[in-house]
PDB file of N, CA and C in Angstrom:
ATOM      1  N   MET A   1       9.242  11.712  -9.812  1.00  0.00           N
ATOM      2  CA  MET A   1       8.267  12.696  -9.607  1.00  0.00           C
ATOM      3  C   MET A   1       9.040  14.093  -8.852  1.00  0.00           C
ATOM      4  N   ILE A   2       8.291  14.956  -9.110  1.00  0.00           N
ATOM      5  CA  ILE A   2       8.586  16.126  -8.619  1.00  0.00           C
ATOM      6  C   ILE A   2       8.101  16.849  -7.811  1.00  0.00           C
ATOM      7  N   TYR A   3       8.171  17.381  -6.450  1.00  0.00           N
ATOM      8  CA  TYR A   3       7.388  17.739  -5.532  1.00  0.00           C
ATOM      9  C   TYR A   3       7.486  19.188  -5.098  1.00  0.00           C
ATOM     10  N   GLU A   4       6.218  20.086  -5.263  1.00  0.00           N
ATOM     11  CA  GLU A   4       5.879  21.149  -4.675  1.00  0.00           C
ATOM     12  C   GLU A   4       5.916  21.652  -3.236  1.00  0.00           C
ATOM     13  N   LEU A   5       7.077  22.242  -3.024  1.00  0.00           N
ATOM     14  CA  LEU A   5       6.576  22.360  -1.267  1.00  0.00           C
ATOM     15  C   LEU A   5       5.877  23.949  -1.570  1.00  0.00           C
ATOM     16  N   ARG A   6       5.027  24.140  -0.471  1.00  0.00           N
ATOM     17  CA  ARG A   6       4.509  25.380  -0.828  1.00  0.00           C
ATOM     18  C   ARG A   6       4.185  26.026   0.671  1.00  0.00           C
ATOM     19  N   ILE A   7       4.365  27.326   0.973  1.00  0.00           N
ATOM     20  CA  ILE A   7       4.324  28.038   2.527  1.00  0.00           C
ATOM     21  C   ILE A   7       3.519  29.355   2.165  1.00  0.00           C
ATOM     22  N   TYR A   8       2.029  28.680   3.092  1.00  0.00           N
ATOM     23  CA  TYR A   8       1.204  30.128   2.890  1.00  0.00           C
ATOM     24  C   TYR A   8       1.416  30.979   4.442  1.00  0.00           C
ATOM     25  N   GLU A   9       1.839  32.322   4.203  1.00  0.00           N
ATOM     26  CA  GLU A   9       1.815  33.210   5.648  1.00  0.00           C
ATOM     27  C   GLU A   9       0.467  33.506   5.143  1.00  0.00           C
ATOM     28  N   ALA A  10      -0.447  33.129   6.256  1.00  0.00           N
ATOM     29  CA  ALA A  10      -1.559  33.650   6.424  1.00  0.00           C
ATOM     30  C   ALA A  10      -1.409  35.146   7.327  1.00  0.00           C
ATOM     31  N   ALA A  11      -2.797  35.950   6.475  1.00  0.00           N
ATOM     32  CA  ALA A  11      -3.116  37.390   7.175  1.00  0.00           C
ATOM     33  C   ALA A  11      -2.993  37.371   8.523  1.00  0.00           C
ATOM     34  N   LEU A  12      -2.553  38.006   9.598  1.00  0.00           N
ATOM     35  CA  LEU A  12      -2.754  38.096  10.744  1.00  0.00           C
ATOM     36  C   LEU A  12      -4.141  38.018  11.247  1.00  0.00           C
ATOM     37  N   GLY A  13      -3.973  37.016  11.947  1.00  0.00           N
ATOM     38  CA  GLY A  13      -5.530  35.916  12.723  1.00  0.00           C
ATOM     39  C   GLY A  13      -5.996  35.298  11.770  1.00  0.00           C
ATOM     40  N   ARG A  14      -5.861  35.174  10.480  1.00  0.00           N
ATOM     41  CA  ARG A  14      -6.643  34.441   9.535  1.00  0.00           C
ATOM     42  C   ARG A  14      -5.855  32.893   9.195  1.00  0.00           C
ATOM     43  N   LEU A  15      -5.376  32.210   9.836  1.00  0.00           N
ATOM     44  CA  LEU A  15      -4.734  30.836   9.630  1.00  0.00           C
ATOM     45  C   LEU A  15      -6.355  30.316   9.920  1.00  0.00           C
ATOM     46  N   PRO A  16      -6.906  30.048  10.568  1.00  0.00           N
ATOM     47  CA  PRO A  16      -7.986  29.231  10.619  1.00  0.00           C
ATOM     48  C   PRO A  16      -8.754  29.377   9.287  1.00  0.00           C
ATOM     49  N   ASP A  17      -9.068  30.532   8.523  1.00  0.00           N
ATOM     50  CA  ASP A  17      -9.598  30.913   7.613  1.00  0.00           C
ATOM     51  C   ASP A  17      -8.874  30.192   6.524  1.00  0.00           C
ATOM     52  N   VAL A  18      -7.971  30.538   6.472  1.00  0.00           N
ATOM     53  CA  VAL A  18      -6.954  29.684   5.467  1.00  0.00           C
ATOM     54  C   VAL A  18      -7.221  27.956   5.320  1.00  0.00           C
ATOM     55  N   ASN A  19      -7.042  27.266   6.873  1.00  0.00           N
ATOM     56  CA  ASN A  19      -7.279  25.924   6.980  1.00  0.00           C
ATOM     57  C   ASN A  19      -8.248  25.721   6.716  1.00  0.00           C
ATOM     58  N   ARG A  20      -9.469  26.443   6.586  1.00  0.00           N
ATOM     59  CA  ARG A  20     -10.884  26.426   6.365  1.00  0.00           C
ATOM     60  C   ARG A  20     -11.433  25.939   4.838  1.00  0.00           C
ATOM     61  N   ARG A  21     -10.571  26.593   4.327  1.00  0.00           N
ATOM     62  CA  ARG A  21     -10.776  27.549   2.800  1.00  0.00           C
ATOM     63  C   ARG A  21     -10.455  26.098   2.118  1.00  0.00           C
ATOM     64  N   PHE A  22      -8.490  25.380   2.439  1.00  0.00           N
ATOM     65  CA  PHE A  22      -8.252  24.283   2.186  1.00  0.00           C
ATOM     66  C   PHE A  22      -9.064  22.781   2.327  1.00  0.00           C
ATOM     67  N   GLU A  23      -9.613  22.736   3.391  1.00  0.00           N
ATOM     68  CA  GLU A  23     -10.499  21.930   3.916  1.00  0.00           C
ATOM     69  C   GLU A  23     -11.709  21.683   3.059  1.00  0.00           C
ATOM     70  N   THR A  24     -12.498  22.733   2.876  1.00  0.00           N
ATOM     71  CA  THR A  24     -13.446  22.845   2.854  1.00  0.00           C
ATOM     72  C   THR A  24     -13.876  23.018   0.654  1.00  0.00           C
ATOM     73  N   LEU A  25     -12.784  23.446   0.264  1.00  0.00           N
ATOM     74  CA  LEU A  25     -13.078  23.938  -1.003  1.00  0.00           C
ATOM     75  C   LEU A  25     -11.833  23.796  -1.728  1.00  0.00           C
ATOM     76  N   THR A  26     -10.727  23.777  -1.134  1.00  0.00           N
ATOM     77  CA  THR A  26      -9.390  23.961  -2.396  1.00  0.00           C
ATOM     78  C   THR A  26      -8.915  22.407  -2.664  1.00  0.00           C
ATOM     79  N   THR A  27      -9.073  21.571  -1.403  1.00  0.00           N
ATOM     80  CA  THR A  27      -8.640  20.019  -1.668  1.00  0.00           C
ATOM     81  C   THR A  27      -9.936  19.656  -2.552  1.00  0.00           C
ATOM     82  N   LYS A  28     -11.186  19.808  -2.698  1.00  0.00           N
ATOM     83  CA  LYS A  28     -12.188  19.008  -3.061  1.00  0.00           C
ATOM     84  C   LYS A  28     -11.995  19.314  -4.823  1.00  0.00           C
ATOM     85  N   VAL A  29     -11.819  20.580  -4.748  1.00  0.00           N
ATOM     86  CA  VAL A  29     -11.731  20.971  -6.683  1.00  0.00           C
ATOM     87  C   VAL A  29     -10.303  20.455  -6.950  1.00  0.00           C
ATOM     88  N   TRP A  30      -9.190  20.240  -6.146  1.00  0.00           N
ATOM     89  CA  TRP A  30      -7.582  19.452  -6.739  1.00  0.00           C
ATOM     90  C   TRP A  30      -8.320  18.290  -6.763  1.00  0.00           C
ATOM     91  N   GLU A  31      -9.026  17.271  -6.180  1.00  0.00           N
ATOM     92  CA  GLU A  31      -9.528  16.106  -6.023  1.00  0.00           C
ATOM     93  C   GLU A  31      -9.775  15.756  -7.370  1.00  0.00           C
ATOM     94  N   ARG A  32     -11.037  16.935  -7.954  1.00  0.00           N
ATOM     95  CA  ARG A  32     -11.783  16.997  -9.296  1.00  0.00           C
ATOM     96  C   ARG A  32     -10.693  16.945 -10.308  1.00  0.00           C
ATOM     97  N   ILE A  33      -9.819  17.755  -9.961  1.00  0.00           N
ATOM     98  CA  ILE A  33      -9.093  18.055 -11.596  1.00  0.00           C
ATOM     99  C   ILE A  33      -7.701  17.249 -11.605  1.00  0.00           C
ATOM    100  N   GLY A  34      -7.095  16.241 -10.528  1.00  0.00           N
ATOM    101  CA  GLY A  34      -6.266  15.619 -10.317  1.00  0.00           C
ATOM    102  C   GLY A  34      -5.229  15.828  -9.710  1.00  0.00           C
ATOM    103  N   ILE A  35      -4.957  17.140  -8.951  1.00  0.00           N
ATOM    104  CA  ILE A  35      -4.291  17.318  -8.148  1.00  0.00           C
ATOM    105  C   ILE A  35      -3.457  16.563  -6.769  1.00  0.00           C
ATOM    106  N   ARG A  36      -2.532  16.110  -6.785  1.00  0.00           N
ATOM    107  CA  ARG A  36      -2.577  15.174  -6.078  1.00  0.00           C
ATOM    108  C   ARG A  36      -1.858  15.846  -4.525  1.00  0.00           C
ATOM    109  N   GLN A  37      -2.144  15.924  -3.315  1.00  0.00           N
ATOM    110  CA  GLN A  37      -1.433  16.783  -2.485  1.00  0.00           C
ATOM    111  C   GLN A  37      -0.742  15.284  -1.591  1.00  0.00           C
ATOM    112  N   VAL A  38       0.693  15.469  -1.361  1.00  0.00           N
ATOM    113  CA  VAL A  38       1.294  14.554  -0.247  1.00  0.00           C
ATOM    114  C   VAL A  38       0.676  14.807   1.320  1.00  0.00           C
ATOM    115  N   GLY A  39       0.713  16.161   1.747  1.00  0.00           N
ATOM    116  CA  GLY A  39       0.273  16.432   3.071  1.00  0.00           C
ATOM    117  C   GLY A  39       0.328  17.860   3.495  1.00  0.00           C
ATOM    118  N   PHE A  40      -0.320  18.241   4.808  1.00  0.00           N
ATOM    119  CA  PHE A  40      -0.592  19.441   4.652  1.00  0.00           C
ATOM    120  C   PHE A  40      -0.018  19.579   6.533  1.00  0.00           C
ATOM    121  N   TRP A  41       0.421  20.756   6.898  1.00  0.00           N
ATOM    122  CA  TRP A  41       1.164  21.177   8.201  1.00  0.00           C
ATOM    123  C   TRP A  41       0.874  22.384   8.538  1.00  0.00           C
ATOM    124  N   THR A  42       0.550  22.652   9.878  1.00  0.00           N
ATOM    125  CA  THR A  42       0.931  23.673  10.435  1.00  0.00           C
ATOM    126  C   THR A  42       2.219  23.653  11.452  1.00  0.00           C
ATOM    127  N   THR A  43       2.578  24.649  11.986  1.00  0.00           N
ATOM    128  CA  THR A  43       3.780  24.966  12.860  1.00  0.00           C
ATOM    129  C   THR A  43       3.202  24.938  14.205  1.00  0.00           C
ATOM    130  N   ASP A  44       3.860  23.981  15.233  1.00  0.00           N
ATOM    131  CA  ASP A  44       3.694  24.051  16.308  1.00  0.00           C
ATOM    132  C   ASP A  44       5.021  25.031  17.059  1.00  0.00           C
ATOM    133  N   ILE A  45       6.123  24.712  16.641  1.00  0.00           N
ATOM    134  CA  ILE A  45       7.668  25.479  17.168  1.00  0.00           C
ATOM    135  C   ILE A  45       8.128  25.986  15.739  1.00  0.00           C
ATOM    136  N   GLY A  46       8.008  27.504  15.690  1.00  0.00           N
ATOM    137  CA  GLY A  46       8.692  28.490  14.836  1.00  0.00           C
ATOM    138  C   GLY A  46       8.055  29.220  14.378  1.00  0.00           C
ATOM    139  N   VAL A  47       8.288  29.743  13.136  1.00  0.00           N
ATOM    140  CA  VAL A  47       7.017  30.482  12.552  1.00  0.00           C
ATOM    141  C   VAL A  47       5.841  30.356  12.978  1.00  0.00           C
ATOM    142  N   SER A  48       4.560  31.219  13.248  1.00  0.00           N
ATOM    143  CA  SER A  48       3.328  30.659  13.360  1.00  0.00           C
ATOM    144  C   SER A  48       2.976  31.465  12.421  1.00  0.00           C
ATOM    145  N   GLY A  49       1.363  30.981  12.138  1.00  0.00           N
ATOM    146  CA  GLY A  49       0.468  31.751  11.281  1.00  0.00           C
ATOM    147  C   GLY A  49       0.910  31.148   9.673  1.00  0.00           C
ATOM    148  N   GLN A  50       1.784  30.223   9.544  1.00  0.00           N
ATOM    149  CA  GLN A  50       2.027  29.542   8.690  1.00  0.00           C
ATOM    150  C   GLN A  50       1.142  28.102   8.113  1.00  0.00           C
ATOM    151  N   LEU A  51       0.650  27.877   6.746  1.00  0.00           N
ATOM    152  CA  LEU A  51       0.316  26.192   6.522  1.00  0.00           C
ATOM    153  C   LEU A  51       1.397  25.969   5.370  1.00  0.00           C
ATOM    154  N   THR A  52       1.919  25.021   5.895  1.00  0.00           N
ATOM    155  CA  THR A  52       3.072  24.332   5.090  1.00  0.00           C
ATOM    156  C   THR A  52       2.237  22.911   4.190  1.00  0.00           C
ATOM    157  N   TYR A  53       2.563  22.858   3.142  1.00  0.00           N
ATOM    158  CA  TYR A  53       1.789  21.650   2.172  1.00  0.00           C
ATOM    159  C   TYR A  53       3.191  21.732   1.035  1.00  0.00           C
ATOM    160  N   ILE A  54       2.811  20.027   0.511  1.00  0.00           N
ATOM    161  CA  ILE A  54       3.314  19.383  -0.504  1.00  0.00           C
ATOM    162  C   ILE A  54       2.530  18.558  -1.885  1.00  0.00           C
ATOM    163  N   LEU A  55       2.772  19.227  -2.716  1.00  0.00           N
ATOM    164  CA  LEU A  55       2.043  18.638  -3.883  1.00  0.00           C
ATOM    165  C   LEU A  55       2.997  17.765  -4.462  1.00  0.00           C
ATOM    166  N   ALA A  56       1.952  16.590  -5.107  1.00  0.00           N
ATOM    167  CA  ALA A  56       3.292  15.512  -6.405  1.00  0.00           C
ATOM    168  C   ALA A  56       2.749  15.729  -7.831  1.00  0.00           C
ATOM    169  N   TRP A  57       3.931  15.858  -8.582  1.00  0.00           N
ATOM    170  CA  TRP A  57       3.647  16.112  -9.909  1.00  0.00           C
ATOM    171  C   TRP A  57       4.498  14.922 -10.632  1.00  0.00           C
ATOM    172  N   GLU A  58       4.243  14.527 -11.819  1.00  0.00           N
ATOM    173  CA  GLU A  58       4.375  13.662 -12.903  1.00  0.00           C
ATOM    174  C   GLU A  58       5.893  14.518 -13.073  1.00  0.00           C
ATOM    175  N   SER A  59       5.339  15.748 -13.703  1.00  0.00           N
ATOM    176  CA  SER A  59       6.156  16.475 -14.318  1.00  0.00           C
ATOM    177  C   SER A  59       5.721  18.188 -14.106  1.00  0.00           C
ATOM    178  N   LEU A  60       6.886  18.754 -14.796  1.00  0.00           N
ATOM    179  CA  LEU A  60       6.828  20.319 -14.431  1.00  0.00           C
ATOM    180  C   LEU A  60       5.565  20.763 -16.044  1.00  0.00           C
ATOM    181  N   ALA A  61       5.506  19.895 -16.850  1.00  0.00           N
ATOM    182  CA  ALA A  61       4.433  20.064 -17.679  1.00  0.00           C
ATOM    183  C   ALA A  61       2.912  19.796 -17.025  1.00  0.00           C
ATOM    184  N   GLU A  62       2.935  18.891 -16.157  1.00  0.00           N
ATOM    185  CA  GLU A  62       2.008  18.235 -15.372  1.00  0.00           C
ATOM    186  C   GLU A  62       1.011  19.663 -14.448  1.00  0.00           C
ATOM    187  N   ARG A  63       2.413  20.053 -13.858  1.00  0.00           N
ATOM    188  CA  ARG A  63       1.963  20.759 -12.957  1.00  0.00           C
ATOM    189  C   ARG A  63       1.368  22.257 -14.051  1.00  0.00           C
ATOM    190  N   GLU A  64       2.030  22.818 -14.806  1.00  0.00           N
ATOM    191  CA  GLU A  64       1.401  23.627 -15.664  1.00  0.00           C
ATOM    192  C   GLU A  64       0.245  23.859 -15.923  1.00  0.00           C
ATOM    193  N   GLN A  65      -0.279  22.524 -16.495  1.00  0.00           N
ATOM    194  CA  GLN A  65      -1.634  22.725 -17.095  1.00  0.00           C
ATOM    195  C   GLN A  65      -2.352  22.231 -16.070  1.00  0.00           C
ATOM    196  N   LYS A  66      -2.397  21.384 -14.978  1.00  0.00           N
ATOM    197  CA  LYS A  66      -3.302  21.130 -14.176  1.00  0.00           C
ATOM    198  C   LYS A  66      -3.465  22.457 -13.165  1.00  0.00           C
ATOM    199  N   TRP A  67      -2.249  23.343 -12.683  1.00  0.00           N
ATOM    200  CA  TRP A  67      -2.373  24.684 -11.776  1.00  0.00           C
ATOM    201  C   TRP A  67      -2.947  25.514 -13.004  1.00  0.00           C
ATOM    202  N   ALA A  68      -2.974  25.897 -14.135  1.00  0.00           N
ATOM    203  CA  ALA A  68      -3.747  26.365 -14.972  1.00  0.00           C
ATOM    204  C   ALA A  68      -5.158  26.184 -14.580  1.00  0.00           C
ATOM    205  N   GLU A  69      -5.258  25.146 -15.020  1.00  0.00           N
ATOM    206  CA  GLU A  69      -6.629  24.511 -14.700  1.00  0.00           C
ATOM    207  C   GLU A  69      -7.522  24.845 -13.131  1.00  0.00           C
ATOM    208  N   PHE A  70      -6.705  24.305 -12.459  1.00  0.00           N
ATOM    209  CA  PHE A  70      -7.290  24.958 -11.260  1.00  0.00           C
ATOM    210  C   PHE A  70      -7.675  26.481 -10.920  1.00  0.00           C
ATOM    211  N   GLN A  71      -6.639  27.315 -11.665  1.00  0.00           N
ATOM    212  CA  GLN A  71      -6.633  28.818 -11.457  1.00  0.00           C
ATOM    213  C   GLN A  71      -7.967  29.119 -12.159  1.00  0.00           C
ATOM    214  N   ALA A  72      -8.167  28.500 -13.083  1.00  0.00           N
ATOM    215  CA  ALA A  72      -9.477  29.315 -13.895  1.00  0.00           C
ATOM    216  C   ALA A  72     -10.919  28.735 -13.518  1.00  0.00           C
ATOM    217  N   ASP A  73     -10.778  27.755 -12.804  1.00  0.00           N
ATOM    218  CA  ASP A  73     -11.992  26.716 -12.010  1.00  0.00           C
ATOM    219  C   ASP A  73     -12.780  27.581 -11.926  1.00  0.00           C
ATOM    220  N   PRO A  74     -14.239  27.881 -12.179  1.00  0.00           N
ATOM    221  CA  PRO A  74     -15.637  28.179 -11.792  1.00  0.00           C
ATOM    222  C   PRO A  74     -15.557  28.227 -10.039  1.00  0.00           C
ATOM    223  N   GLU A  75     -15.466  27.192  -9.787  1.00  0.00           N
ATOM    224  CA  GLU A  75     -16.021  26.867  -8.630  1.00  0.00           C
ATOM    225  C   GLU A  75     -14.760  27.305  -7.481  1.00  0.00           C
ATOM    226  N   TRP A  76     -13.758  26.991  -8.044  1.00  0.00           N
ATOM    227  CA  TRP A  76     -12.331  27.920  -7.070  1.00  0.00           C
ATOM    228  C   TRP A  76     -12.591  29.360  -7.157  1.00  0.00           C
ATOM    229  N   ARG A  77     -13.018  30.012  -8.227  1.00  0.00           N
ATOM    230  CA  ARG A  77     -12.810  31.368  -8.290  1.00  0.00           C
ATOM    231  C   ARG A  77     -13.793  31.961  -7.276  1.00  0.00           C
ATOM    232  N   GLU A  78     -15.041  31.285  -7.894  1.00  0.00           N
ATOM    233  CA  GLU A  78     -15.976  32.079  -6.688  1.00  0.00           C
ATOM    234  C   GLU A  78     -16.131  31.887  -5.114  1.00  0.00           C
ATOM    235  N   GLY A  79     -15.510  30.418  -4.785  1.00  0.00           N
ATOM    236  CA  GLY A  79     -15.240  30.010  -3.802  1.00  0.00           C
ATOM    237  C   GLY A  79     -14.308  31.140  -2.929  1.00  0.00           C
ATOM    238  N   ARG A  80     -13.128  31.305  -3.586  1.00  0.00           N
ATOM    239  CA  ARG A  80     -12.177  32.205  -3.260  1.00  0.00           C
ATOM    240  C   ARG A  80     -12.746  33.514  -2.871  1.00  0.00           C
ATOM    241  N   ALA A  81     -13.452  33.924  -3.785  1.00  0.00           N
ATOM    242  CA  ALA A  81     -13.804  35.165  -3.521  1.00  0.00           C
ATOM    243  C   ALA A  81     -14.625  35.338  -2.357  1.00  0.00           C
ATOM    244  N   LYS A  82     -15.945  34.242  -2.132  1.00  0.00           N
ATOM    245  CA  LYS A  82     -16.256  34.482  -0.873  1.00  0.00           C
ATOM    246  C   LYS A  82     -15.624  34.438   0.191  1.00  0.00           C
ATOM    247  N   THR A  83     -14.621  33.826   0.096  1.00  0.00           N
ATOM    248  CA  THR A  83     -13.239  33.826   1.796  1.00  0.00           C
ATOM    249  C   THR A  83     -12.948  34.980   1.501  1.00  0.00           C
ATOM    250  N   GLU A  84     -12.384  35.661   0.913  1.00  0.00           N
ATOM    251  CA  GLU A  84     -11.714  37.078   0.740  1.00  0.00           C
ATOM    252  C   GLU A  84     -13.131  38.499   0.809  1.00  0.00           C
ATOM    253  N   GLU A  85     -13.868  38.341   1.071  1.00  0.00           N
ATOM    254  CA  GLU A  85     -15.191  39.362   1.504  1.00  0.00           C
ATOM    255  C   GLU A  85     -14.661  40.106   2.446  1.00  0.00           C
ATOM    256  N   ASN A  86     -13.821  39.611   3.319  1.00  0.00           N
ATOM    257  CA  ASN A  86     -13.545  40.806   4.160  1.00  0.00           C
ATOM    258  C   ASN A  86     -11.982  40.782   4.095  1.00  0.00           C
ATOM    259  N   GLY A  87     -11.573  40.544   3.068  1.00  0.00           N
ATOM    260  CA  GLY A  87      -9.891  40.917   2.914  1.00  0.00           C
ATOM    261  C   GLY A  87      -9.480  39.528   2.757  1.00  0.00           C
ATOM    262  N   ALA A  88      -8.141  39.526   2.294  1.00  0.00           N
ATOM    263  CA  ALA A  88      -7.270  38.855   1.850  1.00  0.00           C
ATOM    264  C   ALA A  88      -7.167  37.806   3.187  1.00  0.00           C
ATOM    265  N   ILE A  89      -7.278  36.582   2.979  1.00  0.00           N
ATOM    266  CA  ILE A  89      -6.619  35.653   3.995  1.00  0.00           C
ATOM    267  C   ILE A  89      -4.713  35.180   4.022  1.00  0.00           C
ATOM    268  N   VAL A  90      -4.483  35.326   2.894  1.00  0.00           N
ATOM    269  CA  VAL A  90      -3.110  34.782   2.594  1.00  0.00           C
ATOM    270  C   VAL A  90      -2.351  36.034   2.569  1.00  0.00           C
ATOM    271  N   ALA A  91      -1.071  36.348   3.130  1.00  0.00           N
ATOM    272  CA  ALA A  91      -0.307  37.549   3.090  1.00  0.00           C
ATOM    273  C   ALA A  91       0.910  37.380   2.005  1.00  0.00           C
ATOM    274  N   LYS A  92       1.013  35.746   2.004  1.00  0.00           N
ATOM    275  CA  LYS A  92       2.479  35.377   1.051  1.00  0.00           C
ATOM    276  C   LYS A  92       2.241  33.982   0.759  1.00  0.00           C
ATOM    277  N   VAL A  93       2.777  33.944  -0.305  1.00  0.00           N
ATOM    278  CA  VAL A  93       2.803  32.554  -0.547  1.00  0.00           C
ATOM    279  C   VAL A  93       4.352  32.626  -1.273  1.00  0.00           C
ATOM    280  N   THR A  94       5.234  30.908  -1.136  1.00  0.00           N
ATOM    281  CA  THR A  94       6.508  30.748  -1.089  1.00  0.00           C
ATOM    282  C   THR A  94       6.586  29.249  -1.679  1.00  0.00           C
ATOM    283  N   ASN A  95       6.967  28.790  -3.106  1.00  0.00           N
ATOM    284  CA  ASN A  95       7.035  27.688  -2.985  1.00  0.00           C
ATOM    285  C   ASN A  95       8.337  27.446  -4.078  1.00  0.00           C
ATOM    286  N   SER A  96       8.500  25.929  -3.573  1.00  0.00           N
ATOM    287  CA  SER A  96       9.976  25.375  -4.269  1.00  0.00           C
ATOM    288  C   SER A  96       9.872  24.166  -4.955  1.00  0.00           C
ATOM    289  N   PHE A  97      10.611  23.813  -5.932  1.00  0.00           N
ATOM    290  CA  PHE A  97      10.291  22.127  -6.680  1.00  0.00           C
ATOM    291  C   PHE A  97      11.282  21.886  -6.202  1.00  0.00           C
ATOM    292  N   LEU A  98      11.163  20.375  -5.552  1.00  0.00           N
ATOM    293  CA  LEU A  98      12.075  19.605  -5.010  1.00  0.00           C
ATOM    294  C   LEU A  98      11.857  18.314  -5.711  1.00  0.00           C
ATOM    295  N   THR A  99      13.305  17.808  -6.512  1.00  0.00           N
ATOM    296  CA  THR A  99      13.311  16.457  -6.669  1.00  0.00           C
ATOM    297  C   THR A  99      14.269  15.586  -5.901  1.00  0.00           C
ATOM    298  N   PRO A 100      13.238  13.934  -5.530  1.00  0.00           N
ATOM    299  CA  PRO A 100      14.109  13.266  -4.221  1.00  0.00           C
ATOM    300  C   PRO A 100      15.457  12.905  -4.831  1.00  0.00           C
ATOM    301  N   THR A 101      16.347  12.635  -3.938  1.00  0.00           N
ATOM    302  CA  THR A 101      17.756  11.684  -4.218  1.00  0.00           C
ATOM    303  C   THR A 101      17.308  10.670  -4.600  1.00  0.00           C
ATOM    304  N   SER A 102      18.817  10.059  -5.095  1.00  0.00           N
ATOM    305  CA  SER A 102      18.515   8.576  -4.977  1.00  0.00           C
ATOM    306  C   SER A 102      18.089   7.905  -3.571  1.00  0.00           C
ATOM    307  N   TYR A 103      18.763   8.476  -2.830  1.00  0.00           N
ATOM    308  CA  TYR A 103      18.471   7.752  -1.298  1.00  0.00           C
ATOM    309  C   TYR A 103      17.623   8.194  -0.631  1.00  0.00           C
ATOM    310  N   SER A 104      16.387   8.885  -1.292  1.00  0.00           N
ATOM    311  CA  SER A 104      15.291   9.100  -0.643  1.00  0.00           C
ATOM    312  C   SER A 104      14.184   8.314  -0.514  1.00  0.00           C
ATOM    313  N   ALA A 105      13.319   8.106   1.068  1.00  0.00           N
ATOM    314  CA  ALA A 105      12.684   7.018   0.908  1.00  0.00           C
ATOM    315  C   ALA A 105      11.420   7.518   0.239  1.00  0.00           C
ATOM    316  N   LEU A 106      11.072   9.044  -0.556  1.00  0.00           N
ATOM    317  CA  LEU A 106       9.489   9.125  -0.665  1.00  0.00           C
ATOM    318  C   LEU A 106      10.454   9.077  -2.295  1.00  0.00           C
ATOM    319  N   LYS A 107       9.774   8.650  -2.980  1.00  0.00           N
ATOM    320  CA  LYS A 107      10.623   9.081  -4.448  1.00  0.00           C
ATOM    321  C   LYS A 107       9.569   9.880  -5.331  1.00  0.00           C
TER     322      LYS A 107
END
């Protein structure tokens, strides 16, 4: 397994909008496509205005194929445009690809 760690920095004051989009749109499209999420987190102590989540992939090839399908999905594209009618809700996205160690509880 390969895990993708993604951190979204919300535009100022827009974290509730980011969370709402994931809850009502993004995760539903992912389920249909077969993108597997490990979990989502917001920050209690530390940098505020961030949403952190992890996706699980069998391989980088699977990630490339399913992420391209997601980005091209008409429901996602239309829904994203609606959520951004008043401006972008995400200021910055960073991601890392992680491989579990031999002693990791999560493989």
